C-alpha cells in the first residue's frame, strides 16, 4: 500500500496514465479506479492524490504542463506552499484510513 501527497497545482494540468496494474486516484474527494492503459486528466486547482490500497503493483506515467515557475531554481519569489498543499499533504484517502503514512523506515 502506498500514497503520494494530497496536492494541487496553480497552473499545471496533469495527465495520469496507468502502464501496469489498476490505478487508484482521488480527485477533489472523488475516488477513481483507472484500468491498465486508462488515464485521467486533472485540471489545475483540483486536489489530487494517487494511492494504492491493494497488494498489486501499479505503474503510472504522469505528465504535466505548463511548468510551475515558482519551483524553478533561482525563482525571485518565495513559494507559498499553502497554494500547493491547502490541506495536510500527508492525509490519506479513506481507503487507507487504517494505514500509517509515511511508513516507518528500517535501518
PDB file of N, CA and C in Angstrom:
ATOM      1  N   UNK A   1       0.840  -1.174   0.000  1.00  0.00           N
ATOM      2  CA  UNK A   1       0.000   0.000   0.000  1.00  0.00           C
ATOM      3  C   UNK A   1       0.888   1.241   0.000  1.00  0.00           C
ATOM      4  N   UNK A   2       0.413   2.266  -0.686  1.00  0.00           N
ATOM      5  CA  UNK A   2       1.200   3.495  -0.762  1.00  0.00           C
ATOM      6  C   UNK A   2       0.307   4.657  -1.183  1.00  0.00           C
ATOM      7  N   UNK A   3       0.858   5.872  -1.036  1.00  0.00           N
ATOM      8  CA  UNK A   3       0.142   7.074  -1.464  1.00  0.00           C
ATOM      9  C   UNK A   3       1.140   8.192  -1.688  1.00  0.00           C
ATOM     10  N   UNK A   4       0.838   9.062  -2.656  1.00  0.00           N
ATOM     11  CA  UNK A   4       1.651  10.268  -2.773  1.00  0.00           C
ATOM     12  C   UNK A   4       0.953  11.378  -2.000  1.00  0.00           C
ATOM     13  N   UNK A   5       1.499  12.576  -2.033  1.00  0.00           N
ATOM     14  CA  UNK A   5       0.913  13.669  -1.260  1.00  0.00           C
ATOM     15  C   UNK A   5      -0.396  14.148  -1.878  1.00  0.00           C
ATOM     16  N   UNK A   6      -1.294  14.602  -1.022  1.00  0.00           N
ATOM     17  CA  UNK A   6      -2.523  15.255  -1.464  1.00  0.00           C
ATOM     18  C   UNK A   6      -2.124  16.674  -1.832  1.00  0.00           C
ATOM     19  N   UNK A   7      -2.289  17.039  -3.095  1.00  0.00           N
ATOM     20  CA  UNK A   7      -1.799  18.341  -3.551  1.00  0.00           C
ATOM     21  C   UNK A   7      -2.607  18.851  -4.734  1.00  0.00           C
ATOM     22  N   UNK A   8      -2.323  20.081  -5.121  1.00  0.00           N
ATOM     23  CA  UNK A   8      -2.886  20.647  -6.338  1.00  0.00           C
ATOM     24  C   UNK A   8      -1.808  21.508  -6.992  1.00  0.00           C
ATOM     25  N   UNK A   9      -2.099  22.009  -8.160  1.00  0.00           N
ATOM     26  CA  UNK A   9      -1.165  22.887  -8.863  1.00  0.00           C
ATOM     27  C   UNK A   9      -1.848  24.208  -9.173  1.00  0.00           C
ATOM     28  N   UNK A  10      -1.043  25.222  -9.339  1.00  0.00           N
ATOM     29  CA  UNK A  10      -1.556  26.564  -9.611  1.00  0.00           C
ATOM     30  C   UNK A  10      -1.958  26.684 -11.080  1.00  0.00           C
ATOM     31  N   UNK A  11      -1.062  26.296 -11.970  1.00  0.00           N
ATOM     32  CA  UNK A  11      -1.300  26.401 -13.417  1.00  0.00           C
ATOM     33  C   UNK A  11      -1.196  25.066 -14.149  1.00  0.00           C
ATOM     34  N   UNK A  12      -0.456  24.135 -13.598  1.00  0.00           N
ATOM     35  CA  UNK A  12      -0.178  22.881 -14.301  1.00  0.00           C
ATOM     36  C   UNK A  12      -1.398  21.972 -14.373  1.00  0.00           C
ATOM     37  N   UNK A  13      -1.609  21.430 -15.568  1.00  0.00           N
ATOM     38  CA  UNK A  13      -2.558  20.338 -15.763  1.00  0.00           C
ATOM     39  C   UNK A  13      -1.731  19.069 -15.760  1.00  0.00           C
ATOM     40  N   UNK A  14      -2.302  17.977 -15.297  1.00  0.00           N
ATOM     41  CA  UNK A  14      -1.588  16.710 -15.289  1.00  0.00           C
ATOM     42  C   UNK A  14      -2.436  15.627 -15.935  1.00  0.00           C
ATOM     43  N   UNK A  15      -1.734  14.693 -16.567  1.00  0.00           N
ATOM     44  CA  UNK A  15      -2.386  13.511 -17.123  1.00  0.00           C
ATOM     45  C   UNK A  15      -1.754  12.297 -16.467  1.00  0.00           C
ATOM     46  N   UNK A  16      -2.581  11.485 -15.850  1.00  0.00           N
ATOM     47  CA  UNK A  16      -2.148  10.277 -15.157  1.00  0.00           C
ATOM     48  C   UNK A  16      -2.543   9.084 -16.016  1.00  0.00           C
ATOM     49  N   UNK A  17      -1.572   8.260 -16.391  1.00  0.00           N
ATOM     50  CA  UNK A  17      -1.810   7.115 -17.270  1.00  0.00           C
ATOM     51  C   UNK A  17      -1.267   5.861 -16.595  1.00  0.00           C
ATOM     52  N   UNK A  18      -2.080   4.811 -16.543  1.00  0.00           N
ATOM     53  CA  UNK A  18      -1.665   3.555 -15.905  1.00  0.00           C
ATOM     54  C   UNK A  18      -1.006   2.653 -16.946  1.00  0.00           C
ATOM     55  N   UNK A  19       0.275   2.364 -16.724  1.00  0.00           N
ATOM     56  CA  UNK A  19       1.029   1.469 -17.610  1.00  0.00           C
ATOM     57  C   UNK A  19       0.860   0.003 -17.214  1.00  0.00           C
ATOM     58  N   UNK A  20       0.823  -0.264 -15.910  1.00  0.00           N
ATOM     59  CA  UNK A  20       0.684  -1.630 -15.401  1.00  0.00           C
ATOM     60  C   UNK A  20      -0.206  -1.615 -14.171  1.00  0.00           C
ATOM     61  N   UNK A  21      -1.040  -2.628 -14.040  1.00  0.00           N
ATOM     62  CA  UNK A  21      -1.895  -2.755 -12.863  1.00  0.00           C
ATOM     63  C   UNK A  21      -3.190  -1.962 -13.005  1.00  0.00           C
ATOM     64  N   UNK A  22      -3.830  -1.755 -11.874  1.00  0.00           N
ATOM     65  CA  UNK A  22      -5.062  -0.966 -11.804  1.00  0.00           C
ATOM     66  C   UNK A  22      -4.809   0.186 -10.845  1.00  0.00           C
ATOM     67  N   UNK A  23      -4.935   1.400 -11.341  1.00  0.00           N
ATOM     68  CA  UNK A  23      -4.619   2.574 -10.541  1.00  0.00           C
ATOM     69  C   UNK A  23      -5.799   3.106  -9.762  1.00  0.00           C
ATOM     70  N   UNK A  24      -5.477   3.810  -8.694  1.00  0.00           N
ATOM     71  CA  UNK A  24      -6.491   4.490  -7.886  1.00  0.00           C
ATOM     72  C   UNK A  24      -6.012   5.921  -7.681  1.00  0.00           C
ATOM     73  N   UNK A  25      -6.912   6.871  -7.869  1.00  0.00           N
ATOM     74  CA  UNK A  25      -6.583   8.274  -7.694  1.00  0.00           C
ATOM     75  C   UNK A  25      -7.788   8.983  -7.093  1.00  0.00           C
ATOM     76  N   UNK A  26      -7.500   9.882  -6.191  1.00  0.00           N
ATOM     77  CA  UNK A  26      -8.545  10.718  -5.588  1.00  0.00           C
ATOM     78  C   UNK A  26      -8.418  12.100  -6.216  1.00  0.00           C
ATOM     79  N   UNK A  27      -9.512  12.606  -6.798  1.00  0.00           N
ATOM     80  CA  UNK A  27      -9.545  13.935  -7.411  1.00  0.00           C
ATOM     81  C   UNK A  27     -10.720  14.697  -6.807  1.00  0.00           C
ATOM     82  N   UNK A  28     -10.400  15.794  -6.124  1.00  0.00           N
ATOM     83  CA  UNK A  28     -11.437  16.612  -5.475  1.00  0.00           C
ATOM     84  C   UNK A  28     -12.397  15.777  -4.641  1.00  0.00           C
ATOM     85  N   UNK A  29     -11.845  14.805  -3.902  1.00  0.00           N
ATOM     86  CA  UNK A  29     -12.660  14.000  -2.996  1.00  0.00           C
ATOM     87  C   UNK A  29     -13.320  12.790  -3.618  1.00  0.00           C
ATOM     88  N   UNK A  30     -13.264  12.662  -4.939  1.00  0.00           N
ATOM     89  CA  UNK A  30     -13.855  11.508  -5.627  1.00  0.00           C
ATOM     90  C   UNK A  30     -12.776  10.491  -5.939  1.00  0.00           C
ATOM     91  N   UNK A  31     -12.994   9.240  -5.561  1.00  0.00           N
ATOM     92  CA  UNK A  31     -12.033   8.178  -5.845  1.00  0.00           C
ATOM     93  C   UNK A  31     -12.348   7.542  -7.190  1.00  0.00           C
ATOM     94  N   UNK A  32     -11.318   7.479  -8.044  1.00  0.00           N
ATOM     95  CA  UNK A  32     -11.459   6.890  -9.372  1.00  0.00           C
ATOM     96  C   UNK A  32     -10.578   5.649  -9.461  1.00  0.00           C
ATOM     97  N   UNK A  33     -11.086   4.612 -10.115  1.00  0.00           N
ATOM     98  CA  UNK A  33     -10.307   3.417 -10.403  1.00  0.00           C
ATOM     99  C   UNK A  33      -9.977   3.465 -11.889  1.00  0.00           C
ATOM    100  N   UNK A  34      -8.680   3.364 -12.199  1.00  0.00           N
ATOM    101  CA  UNK A  34      -8.201   3.523 -13.570  1.00  0.00           C
ATOM    102  C   UNK A  34      -7.603   2.202 -14.050  1.00  0.00           C
ATOM    103  N   UNK A  35      -8.162   1.607 -15.105  1.00  0.00           N
ATOM    104  CA  UNK A  35      -7.643   0.325 -15.596  1.00  0.00           C
ATOM    105  C   UNK A  35      -6.314   0.496 -16.329  1.00  0.00           C
ATOM    106  N   UNK A  36      -5.621  -0.609 -16.513  1.00  0.00           N
ATOM    107  CA  UNK A  36      -4.389  -0.606 -17.306  1.00  0.00           C
ATOM    108  C   UNK A  36      -4.672   0.048 -18.657  1.00  0.00           C
ATOM    109  N   UNK A  37      -3.805   0.959 -19.062  1.00  0.00           N
ATOM    110  CA  UNK A  37      -3.893   1.742 -20.296  1.00  0.00           C
ATOM    111  C   UNK A  37      -5.024   2.768 -20.270  1.00  0.00           C
ATOM    112  N   UNK A  38      -5.527   3.060 -19.084  1.00  0.00           N
ATOM    113  CA  UNK A  38      -6.520   4.112 -18.915  1.00  0.00           C
ATOM    114  C   UNK A  38      -5.853   5.357 -18.351  1.00  0.00           C
ATOM    115  N   UNK A  39      -6.516   6.487 -18.477  1.00  0.00           N
ATOM    116  CA  UNK A  39      -5.928   7.726 -17.992  1.00  0.00           C
ATOM    117  C   UNK A  39      -6.955   8.679 -17.406  1.00  0.00           C
ATOM    118  N   UNK A  40      -6.433   9.668 -16.669  1.00  0.00           N
ATOM    119  CA  UNK A  40      -7.251  10.706 -16.048  1.00  0.00           C
ATOM    120  C   UNK A  40      -6.554  12.046 -16.264  1.00  0.00           C
ATOM    121  N   UNK A  41      -7.304  13.017 -16.766  1.00  0.00           N
ATOM    122  CA  UNK A  41      -6.810  14.390 -16.902  1.00  0.00           C
ATOM    123  C   UNK A  41      -7.255  15.170 -15.671  1.00  0.00           C
ATOM    124  N   UNK A  42      -6.311  15.871 -15.006  1.00  0.00           N
ATOM    125  CA  UNK A  42      -6.635  16.640 -13.808  1.00  0.00           C
ATOM    126  C   UNK A  42      -6.269  18.100 -14.056  1.00  0.00           C
ATOM    127  N   UNK A  43      -7.258  18.963 -13.864  1.00  0.00           N
ATOM    128  CA  UNK A  43      -7.090  20.401 -14.079  1.00  0.00           C
ATOM    129  C   UNK A  43      -6.295  21.038 -12.942  1.00  0.00           C
ATOM    130  N   UNK A  44      -5.717  22.235 -13.188  1.00  0.00           N
ATOM    131  CA  UNK A  44      -5.108  22.981 -12.091  1.00  0.00           C
ATOM    132  C   UNK A  44      -6.178  23.248 -11.032  1.00  0.00           C
ATOM    133  N   UNK A  45      -5.762  23.478  -9.836  1.00  0.00           N
ATOM    134  CA  UNK A  45      -6.641  23.791  -8.700  1.00  0.00           C
ATOM    135  C   UNK A  45      -7.412  22.583  -8.173  1.00  0.00           C
ATOM    136  N   UNK A  46      -7.359  21.443  -8.852  1.00  0.00           N
ATOM    137  CA  UNK A  46      -8.031  20.241  -8.340  1.00  0.00           C
ATOM    138  C   UNK A  46      -7.080  19.497  -7.407  1.00  0.00           C
ATOM    139  N   UNK A  47      -7.571  19.150  -6.221  1.00  0.00           N
ATOM    140  CA  UNK A  47      -6.769  18.340  -5.305  1.00  0.00           C
ATOM    141  C   UNK A  47      -6.682  16.932  -5.867  1.00  0.00           C
ATOM    142  N   UNK A  48      -5.471  16.362  -5.822  1.00  0.00           N
ATOM    143  CA  UNK A  48      -5.272  15.023  -6.369  1.00  0.00           C
ATOM    144  C   UNK A  48      -4.311  14.233  -5.504  1.00  0.00           C
ATOM    145  N   UNK A  49      -4.486  12.911  -5.525  1.00  0.00           N
ATOM    146  CA  UNK A  49      -3.621  12.010  -4.772  1.00  0.00           C
ATOM    147  C   UNK A  49      -3.717  10.614  -5.372  1.00  0.00           C
ATOM    148  N   UNK A  50      -2.599  10.127  -5.863  1.00  0.00           N
ATOM    149  CA  UNK A  50      -2.507   8.748  -6.341  1.00  0.00           C
ATOM    150  C   UNK A  50      -2.251   7.869  -5.129  1.00  0.00           C
ATOM    151  N   UNK A  51      -2.911   6.731  -5.086  1.00  0.00           N
ATOM    152  CA  UNK A  51      -2.676   5.799  -3.977  1.00  0.00           C
ATOM    153  C   UNK A  51      -2.893   4.375  -4.453  1.00  0.00           C
ATOM    154  N   UNK A  52      -2.421   3.442  -3.651  1.00  0.00           N
ATOM    155  CA  UNK A  52      -2.609   2.028  -3.938  1.00  0.00           C
ATOM    156  C   UNK A  52      -3.075   1.358  -2.655  1.00  0.00           C
ATOM    157  N   UNK A  53      -4.282   0.857  -2.654  1.00  0.00           N
ATOM    158  CA  UNK A  53      -4.835   0.188  -1.481  1.00  0.00           C
ATOM    159  C   UNK A  53      -4.900  -1.328  -1.670  1.00  0.00           C
ATOM    160  N   UNK A  54      -4.061  -1.834  -2.580  1.00  0.00           N
ATOM    161  CA  UNK A  54      -4.004  -3.276  -2.833  1.00  0.00           C
ATOM    162  C   UNK A  54      -2.557  -3.758  -2.755  1.00  0.00           C
ATOM    163  N   UNK A  55      -2.371  -5.061  -2.841  1.00  0.00           N
ATOM    164  CA  UNK A  55      -1.027  -5.641  -2.862  1.00  0.00           C
ATOM    165  C   UNK A  55      -0.462  -5.663  -4.281  1.00  0.00           C
ATOM    166  N   UNK A  56      -1.287  -5.352  -5.277  1.00  0.00           N
ATOM    167  CA  UNK A  56      -0.877  -5.362  -6.682  1.00  0.00           C
ATOM    168  C   UNK A  56       0.046  -4.170  -6.979  1.00  0.00           C
ATOM    169  N   UNK A  57       1.080  -4.399  -7.763  1.00  0.00           N
ATOM    170  CA  UNK A  57       1.965  -3.327  -8.208  1.00  0.00           C
ATOM    171  C   UNK A  57       1.250  -2.487  -9.265  1.00  0.00           C
ATOM    172  N   UNK A  58       1.431  -1.179  -9.205  1.00  0.00           N
ATOM    173  CA  UNK A  58       0.849  -0.271 -10.185  1.00  0.00           C
ATOM    174  C   UNK A  58       1.952   0.660 -10.684  1.00  0.00           C
ATOM    175  N   UNK A  59       2.011   0.846 -11.994  1.00  0.00           N
ATOM    176  CA  UNK A  59       2.997   1.735 -12.592  1.00  0.00           C
ATOM    177  C   UNK A  59       2.265   2.844 -13.344  1.00  0.00           C
ATOM    178  N   UNK A  60       2.496   4.094 -12.908  1.00  0.00           N
ATOM    179  CA  UNK A  60       1.864   5.268 -13.506  1.00  0.00           C
ATOM    180  C   UNK A  60       2.863   6.028 -14.363  1.00  0.00           C
ATOM    181  N   UNK A  61       2.386   6.636 -15.421  1.00  0.00           N
ATOM    182  CA  UNK A  61       3.119   7.654 -16.170  1.00  0.00           C
ATOM    183  C   UNK A  61       2.358   8.953 -15.907  1.00  0.00           C
ATOM    184  N   UNK A  62       3.049   9.953 -15.356  1.00  0.00           N
ATOM    185  CA  UNK A  62       2.403  11.219 -15.012  1.00  0.00           C
ATOM    186  C   UNK A  62       3.122  12.341 -15.743  1.00  0.00           C
ATOM    187  N   UNK A  63       2.370  13.095 -16.534  1.00  0.00           N
ATOM    188  CA  UNK A  63       2.944  14.233 -17.257  1.00  0.00           C
ATOM    189  C   UNK A  63       2.141  15.482 -16.912  1.00  0.00           C
ATOM    190  N   UNK A  64       2.836  16.609 -16.860  1.00  0.00           N
ATOM    191  CA  UNK A  64       2.165  17.857 -16.530  1.00  0.00           C
ATOM    192  C   UNK A  64       2.775  19.042 -17.248  1.00  0.00           C
ATOM    193  N   UNK A  65       1.952  20.065 -17.468  1.00  0.00           N
ATOM    194  CA  UNK A  65       2.402  21.306 -18.097  1.00  0.00           C
ATOM    195  C   UNK A  65       1.329  22.361 -17.865  1.00  0.00           C
ATOM    196  N   UNK A  66       1.624  23.624 -17.887  1.00  0.00           N
ATOM    197  CA  UNK A  66       2.962  24.206 -18.003  1.00  0.00           C
ATOM    198  C   UNK A  66       3.714  24.100 -16.682  1.00  0.00           C
ATOM    199  N   UNK A  67       4.979  24.394 -16.742  1.00  0.00           N
ATOM    200  CA  UNK A  67       5.839  24.334 -15.575  1.00  0.00           C
ATOM    201  C   UNK A  67       5.414  25.357 -14.523  1.00  0.00           C
ATOM    202  N   UNK A  68       5.474  24.962 -13.272  1.00  0.00           N
ATOM    203  CA  UNK A  68       5.189  25.885 -12.177  1.00  0.00           C
ATOM    204  C   UNK A  68       6.461  26.698 -11.937  1.00  0.00           C
ATOM    205  N   UNK A  69       6.481  27.928 -12.379  1.00  0.00           N
ATOM    206  CA  UNK A  69       7.683  28.763 -12.351  1.00  0.00           C
ATOM    207  C   UNK A  69       8.230  28.981 -10.936  1.00  0.00           C
ATOM    208  N   UNK A  70       7.362  28.945  -9.944  1.00  0.00           N
ATOM    209  CA  UNK A  70       7.800  29.182  -8.569  1.00  0.00           C
ATOM    210  C   UNK A  70       8.756  28.113  -8.059  1.00  0.00           C
ATOM    211  N   UNK A  71       8.740  26.937  -8.684  1.00  0.00           N
ATOM    212  CA  UNK A  71       9.602  25.854  -8.233  1.00  0.00           C
ATOM    213  C   UNK A  71      10.965  25.853  -8.918  1.00  0.00           C
ATOM    214  N   UNK A  72      11.158  26.703  -9.892  1.00  0.00           N
ATOM    215  CA  UNK A  72      12.439  26.732 -10.594  1.00  0.00           C
ATOM    216  C   UNK A  72      13.533  27.291  -9.710  1.00  0.00           C
ATOM    217  N   UNK A  73      14.690  26.691  -9.789  1.00  0.00           N
ATOM    218  CA  UNK A  73      15.837  27.178  -9.027  1.00  0.00           C
ATOM    219  C   UNK A  73      16.132  28.607  -9.479  1.00  0.00           C
ATOM    220  N   UNK A  74      16.336  29.489  -8.533  1.00  0.00           N
ATOM    221  CA  UNK A  74      16.627  30.880  -8.862  1.00  0.00           C
ATOM    222  C   UNK A  74      15.385  31.746  -8.971  1.00  0.00           C
ATOM    223  N   UNK A  75      14.215  31.201  -8.606  1.00  0.00           N
ATOM    224  CA  UNK A  75      12.982  31.987  -8.647  1.00  0.00           C
ATOM    225  C   UNK A  75      13.151  33.224  -7.766  1.00  0.00           C
ATOM    226  N   UNK A  76      12.623  34.338  -8.213  1.00  0.00           N
ATOM    227  CA  UNK A  76      12.749  35.587  -7.476  1.00  0.00           C
ATOM    228  C   UNK A  76      11.744  35.702  -6.338  1.00  0.00           C
ATOM    229  N   UNK A  77      10.787  34.797  -6.263  1.00  0.00           N
ATOM    230  CA  UNK A  77       9.791  34.861  -5.201  1.00  0.00           C
ATOM    231  C   UNK A  77       9.844  33.595  -4.344  1.00  0.00           C
ATOM    232  N   UNK A  78       9.485  33.751  -3.080  1.00  0.00           N
ATOM    233  CA  UNK A  78       9.374  32.593  -2.206  1.00  0.00           C
ATOM    234  C   UNK A  78       8.070  31.880  -2.526  1.00  0.00           C
ATOM    235  N   UNK A  79       8.116  30.562  -2.569  1.00  0.00           N
ATOM    236  CA  UNK A  79       6.932  29.781  -2.889  1.00  0.00           C
ATOM    237  C   UNK A  79       6.035  29.674  -1.668  1.00  0.00           C
ATOM    238  N   UNK A  80       4.775  30.015  -1.820  1.00  0.00           N
ATOM    239  CA  UNK A  80       3.777  29.844  -0.768  1.00  0.00           C
ATOM    240  C   UNK A  80       3.236  28.425  -0.894  1.00  0.00           C
ATOM    241  N   UNK A  81       3.746  27.512  -0.073  1.00  0.00           N
ATOM    242  CA  UNK A  81       3.371  26.098  -0.191  1.00  0.00           C
ATOM    243  C   UNK A  81       1.906  25.839   0.116  1.00  0.00           C
ATOM    244  N   UNK A  82       1.218  26.782   0.772  1.00  0.00           N
ATOM    245  CA  UNK A  82      -0.203  26.580   1.032  1.00  0.00           C
ATOM    246  C   UNK A  82      -1.014  26.606  -0.267  1.00  0.00           C
ATOM    247  N   UNK A  83      -0.434  27.156  -1.337  1.00  0.00           N
ATOM    248  CA  UNK A  83      -1.108  27.131  -2.643  1.00  0.00           C
ATOM    249  C   UNK A  83      -1.119  25.719  -3.224  1.00  0.00           C
ATOM    250  N   UNK A  84      -0.091  24.951  -2.932  1.00  0.00           N
ATOM    251  CA  UNK A  84       0.040  23.578  -3.436  1.00  0.00           C
ATOM    252  C   UNK A  84      -0.567  22.581  -2.450  1.00  0.00           C
ATOM    253  N   UNK A  85      -0.383  22.852  -1.164  1.00  0.00           N
ATOM    254  CA  UNK A  85      -0.863  21.975  -0.098  1.00  0.00           C
ATOM    255  C   UNK A  85      -1.860  22.722   0.789  1.00  0.00           C
ATOM    256  N   UNK A  86      -3.097  22.951   0.310  1.00  0.00           N
ATOM    257  CA  UNK A  86      -4.070  23.682   1.119  1.00  0.00           C
ATOM    258  C   UNK A  86      -4.580  22.868   2.312  1.00  0.00           C
ATOM    259  N   UNK A  87      -4.342  21.580   2.288  1.00  0.00           N
ATOM    260  CA  UNK A  87      -4.689  20.677   3.388  1.00  0.00           C
ATOM    261  C   UNK A  87      -3.440  19.903   3.761  1.00  0.00           C
ATOM    262  N   UNK A  88      -3.510  19.138   4.810  1.00  0.00           N
ATOM    263  CA  UNK A  88      -2.378  18.314   5.236  1.00  0.00           C
ATOM    264  C   UNK A  88      -1.973  17.385   4.087  1.00  0.00           C
ATOM    265  N   UNK A  89      -0.748  17.558   3.533  1.00  0.00           N
ATOM    266  CA  UNK A  89      -0.352  16.738   2.379  1.00  0.00           C
ATOM    267  C   UNK A  89      -0.150  15.260   2.708  1.00  0.00           C
ATOM    268  N   UNK A  90      -0.012  14.926   3.999  1.00  0.00           N
ATOM    269  CA  UNK A  90       0.165  13.523   4.373  1.00  0.00           C
ATOM    270  C   UNK A  90      -1.164  12.829   4.637  1.00  0.00           C
ATOM    271  N   UNK A  91      -2.271  13.561   4.451  1.00  0.00           N
ATOM    272  CA  UNK A  91      -3.607  12.996   4.631  1.00  0.00           C
ATOM    273  C   UNK A  91      -3.802  11.827   3.667  1.00  0.00           C
ATOM    274  N   UNK A  92      -4.314  10.745   4.185  1.00  0.00           N
ATOM    275  CA  UNK A  92      -4.549   9.562   3.351  1.00  0.00           C
ATOM    276  C   UNK A  92      -5.999   9.503   2.898  1.00  0.00           C
ATOM    277  N   UNK A  93      -6.250   8.864   1.752  1.00  0.00           N
ATOM    278  CA  UNK A  93      -7.635   8.669   1.321  1.00  0.00           C
ATOM    279  C   UNK A  93      -8.337   7.716   2.288  1.00  0.00           C
ATOM    280  N   UNK A  94      -9.665   7.758   2.342  1.00  0.00           N
ATOM    281  CA  UNK A  94     -10.404   6.879   3.264  1.00  0.00           C
ATOM    282  C   UNK A  94     -10.046   5.399   3.102  1.00  0.00           C
ATOM    283  N   UNK A  95      -9.684   5.002   1.903  1.00  0.00           N
ATOM    284  CA  UNK A  95      -9.351   3.591   1.645  1.00  0.00           C
ATOM    285  C   UNK A  95      -8.108   3.142   2.415  1.00  0.00           C
ATOM    286  N   UNK A  96      -7.271   4.090   2.826  1.00  0.00           N
ATOM    287  CA  UNK A  96      -6.056   3.753   3.580  1.00  0.00           C
ATOM    288  C   UNK A  96      -6.128   4.261   5.018  1.00  0.00           C
ATOM    289  N   UNK A  97      -7.328   4.446   5.529  1.00  0.00           N
ATOM    290  CA  UNK A  97      -7.524   5.037   6.852  1.00  0.00           C
ATOM    291  C   UNK A  97      -6.814   4.276   7.968  1.00  0.00           C
ATOM    292  N   UNK A  98      -6.667   2.991   7.825  1.00  0.00           N
ATOM    293  CA  UNK A  98      -6.020   2.189   8.866  1.00  0.00           C
ATOM    294  C   UNK A  98      -4.492   2.156   8.719  1.00  0.00           C
ATOM    295  N   UNK A  99      -3.955   2.787   7.684  1.00  0.00           N
ATOM    296  CA  UNK A  99      -2.525   2.773   7.429  1.00  0.00           C
ATOM    297  C   UNK A  99      -1.828   3.959   8.073  1.00  0.00           C
ATOM    298  N   UNK A 100      -0.556   3.818   8.329  1.00  0.00           N
ATOM    299  CA  UNK A 100       0.263   4.922   8.810  1.00  0.00           C
ATOM    300  C   UNK A 100       1.169   5.332   7.668  1.00  0.00           C
ATOM    301  N   UNK A 101       1.161   6.640   7.367  1.00  0.00           N
ATOM    302  CA  UNK A 101       1.963   7.122   6.246  1.00  0.00           C
ATOM    303  C   UNK A 101       2.695   8.375   6.653  1.00  0.00           C
ATOM    304  N   UNK A 102       3.957   8.516   6.316  1.00  0.00           N
ATOM    305  CA  UNK A 102       4.755   7.529   5.588  1.00  0.00           C
ATOM    306  C   UNK A 102       5.104   6.341   6.487  1.00  0.00           C
ATOM    307  N   UNK A 103       5.388   5.210   5.862  1.00  0.00           N
ATOM    308  CA  UNK A 103       5.716   4.030   6.668  1.00  0.00           C
ATOM    309  C   UNK A 103       7.029   4.255   7.398  1.00  0.00           C
ATOM    310  N   UNK A 104       7.184   3.569   8.501  1.00  0.00           N
ATOM    311  CA  UNK A 104       8.438   3.638   9.260  1.00  0.00           C
ATOM    312  C   UNK A 104       9.570   3.065   8.423  1.00  0.00           C
ATOM    313  N   UNK A 105      10.720   3.694   8.471  1.00  0.00           N
ATOM    314  CA  UNK A 105      11.874   3.196   7.727  1.00  0.00           C
ATOM    315  C   UNK A 105      12.644   2.226   8.610  1.00  0.00           C
ATOM    316  N   UNK A 106      13.271   1.270   7.970  1.00  0.00           N
ATOM    317  CA  UNK A 106      14.094   0.293   8.702  1.00  0.00           C
ATOM    318  C   UNK A 106      15.549   0.532   8.357  1.00  0.00           C
ATOM    319  N   UNK A 107      16.379   0.372   9.321  1.00  0.00           N
ATOM    320  CA  UNK A 107      17.816   0.603   9.110  1.00  0.00           C
ATOM    321  C   UNK A 107      18.519  -0.667   8.726  1.00  0.00           C
TER     322      UNK A 107
END
